[in-house]
């Protein structure tokens, strides 16, 4: 498995979001959600499959493997915690979304767990 880069984390998180919303995931939906081209998605998806983060079934549905799901869930949780925290501080929605999307990738696990356990966000 290769290093989990910010780009890979974003693809895995997007796959999880689409799966939760629609039940199945296709490359075109990833491209639309992430606002990237289909060739970019194709390249990323093949790389994620080679590294065992996803599986593509015979119907071209994209499925997270257990390790892919673990990473996607962790990144999404980080995003949601930071997004809600920033909103609670009065940061406008659009800025909170962008900032949370950046912070989710750089905070250490230890710092995140301490922060998450310290704050209560509704």
Protein backbone atom coordinates (compact mmCIF):
# COMPACT_ATOMS: atom_id res chain seq x y z
CA UNK A 1 0.00 0.00 0.00
CA UNK A 2 1.23 3.47 -0.80
CA UNK A 3 1.21 6.44 1.52
CA UNK A 4 -2.22 7.86 2.18
CA UNK A 5 -1.97 11.32 0.65
CA UNK A 6 -4.41 14.19 1.06
CA UNK A 7 -5.72 13.44 -2.43
CA UNK A 8 -6.34 9.77 -1.59
CA UNK A 9 -8.06 10.76 1.66
CA UNK A 10 -10.32 13.15 -0.25
CA UNK A 11 -11.26 10.46 -2.78
CA UNK A 12 -12.00 7.93 -0.03
CA UNK A 13 -14.09 10.46 1.89
CA UNK A 14 -16.01 11.33 -1.29
CA UNK A 15 -16.70 7.66 -2.00
CA UNK A 16 -18.05 7.24 1.53
CA UNK A 17 -20.29 10.31 1.22
CA UNK A 18 -21.72 9.12 -2.09
CA UNK A 19 -22.23 5.60 -0.74
CA UNK A 20 -24.17 6.99 2.23
CA UNK A 21 -26.31 9.20 0.02
CA UNK A 22 -26.96 6.99 -2.99
CA UNK A 23 -26.09 3.44 -1.97
CA UNK A 24 -23.71 2.82 -4.85
CA UNK A 25 -20.78 4.80 -6.20
CA UNK A 26 -19.81 5.46 -9.80
CA UNK A 27 -16.83 7.38 -11.12
CA UNK A 28 -19.06 10.07 -12.65
CA UNK A 29 -20.53 10.83 -9.20
CA UNK A 30 -17.06 11.20 -7.70
CA UNK A 31 -16.08 13.58 -10.51
CA UNK A 32 -19.19 15.69 -9.91
CA UNK A 33 -18.79 15.81 -6.12
CA UNK A 34 -15.09 16.64 -6.22
CA UNK A 35 -15.36 18.91 -9.27
CA UNK A 36 -12.61 17.04 -11.12
CA UNK A 37 -12.44 15.45 -14.56
CA UNK A 38 -13.40 11.86 -15.30
CA UNK A 39 -9.81 11.04 -16.39
CA UNK A 40 -8.56 12.31 -13.01
CA UNK A 41 -11.07 10.10 -11.22
CA UNK A 42 -10.17 7.12 -13.40
CA UNK A 43 -6.48 7.50 -12.57
CA UNK A 44 -7.15 7.91 -8.84
CA UNK A 45 -9.63 5.03 -8.68
CA UNK A 46 -7.21 2.64 -10.40
CA UNK A 47 -4.46 3.67 -8.00
CA UNK A 48 -6.76 3.24 -4.98
CA UNK A 49 -7.75 -0.20 -6.28
CA UNK A 50 -4.12 -1.26 -6.79
CA UNK A 51 -3.40 -0.20 -3.20
CA UNK A 52 -6.42 -2.16 -1.88
CA UNK A 53 -8.40 0.86 -0.60
CA UNK A 54 -11.30 0.15 -2.96
CA UNK A 55 -12.70 -2.62 -5.10
CA UNK A 56 -14.49 -2.16 -8.42
CA UNK A 57 -17.16 -4.80 -9.02
CA UNK A 58 -18.30 -6.23 -12.35
CA UNK A 59 -20.96 -3.51 -12.65
CA UNK A 60 -18.32 -0.74 -12.24
CA UNK A 61 -19.55 0.12 -8.74
CA UNK A 62 -16.81 1.41 -6.47
CA UNK A 63 -16.70 -0.23 -3.04
CA UNK A 64 -14.50 0.65 -0.08
CA UNK A 65 -12.39 -2.18 1.33
CA UNK A 66 -12.18 -2.46 5.12
CA UNK A 67 -8.99 -0.34 5.23
CA UNK A 68 -10.47 2.17 2.78
CA UNK A 69 -13.60 2.44 4.90
CA UNK A 70 -11.54 2.94 8.05
CA UNK A 71 -9.58 5.80 6.49
CA UNK A 72 -12.67 7.40 4.91
CA UNK A 73 -14.59 7.24 8.19
CA UNK A 74 -11.71 8.77 10.12
CA UNK A 75 -11.25 11.64 7.64
CA UNK A 76 -15.00 12.32 7.54
CA UNK A 77 -15.20 12.36 11.34
CA UNK A 78 -12.33 14.85 11.50
CA UNK A 79 -14.01 17.05 8.91
CA UNK A 80 -17.35 16.99 10.74
CA UNK A 81 -15.81 17.79 14.14
CA UNK A 82 -13.76 20.70 12.82
CA UNK A 83 -16.62 21.98 10.65
CA UNK A 84 -19.02 22.04 13.61
CA UNK A 85 -16.37 23.57 15.87
CA UNK A 86 -15.67 26.36 13.41
CA UNK A 87 -19.39 27.04 12.94
CA UNK A 88 -19.83 27.20 16.72
CA UNK A 89 -17.11 29.87 16.80
CA UNK A 90 -19.04 31.97 14.31
CA UNK A 91 -17.04 31.15 11.19
CA UNK A 92 -19.25 31.47 8.09
CA UNK A 93 -20.43 28.18 6.56
CA UNK A 94 -18.39 28.45 3.34
CA UNK A 95 -15.16 29.29 5.17
CA UNK A 96 -15.76 26.64 7.86
CA UNK A 97 -16.17 23.99 5.16
CA UNK A 98 -12.93 24.95 3.41
CA UNK A 99 -10.94 25.24 6.63
CA UNK A 100 -12.27 21.97 8.05
CA UNK A 101 -11.32 20.28 4.78
CA UNK A 102 -7.76 21.47 5.26
CA UNK A 103 -7.45 20.81 9.00
CA UNK A 104 -8.76 17.23 8.69
CA UNK A 105 -5.53 16.21 6.94
CA UNK A 106 -2.90 17.85 9.13
CA UNK A 107 -3.96 17.36 12.74
CA UNK A 108 -2.29 14.48 14.58
CA UNK A 109 -4.41 11.63 15.92
CA UNK A 110 -3.41 12.51 19.50
CA UNK A 111 -4.37 16.17 19.15
CA UNK A 112 -7.62 15.31 17.42
CA UNK A 113 -8.68 12.84 20.11
CA UNK A 114 -7.87 15.28 22.92
CA UNK A 115 -9.74 18.09 21.18
CA UNK A 116 -12.70 15.87 20.31
CA UNK A 117 -12.97 14.64 23.90
CA UNK A 118 -12.67 18.15 25.32
CA UNK A 119 -15.42 19.81 23.31
CA UNK A 120 -19.10 19.05 23.06
CA UNK A 121 -20.56 20.03 19.70
CA UNK A 122 -24.24 19.58 18.97
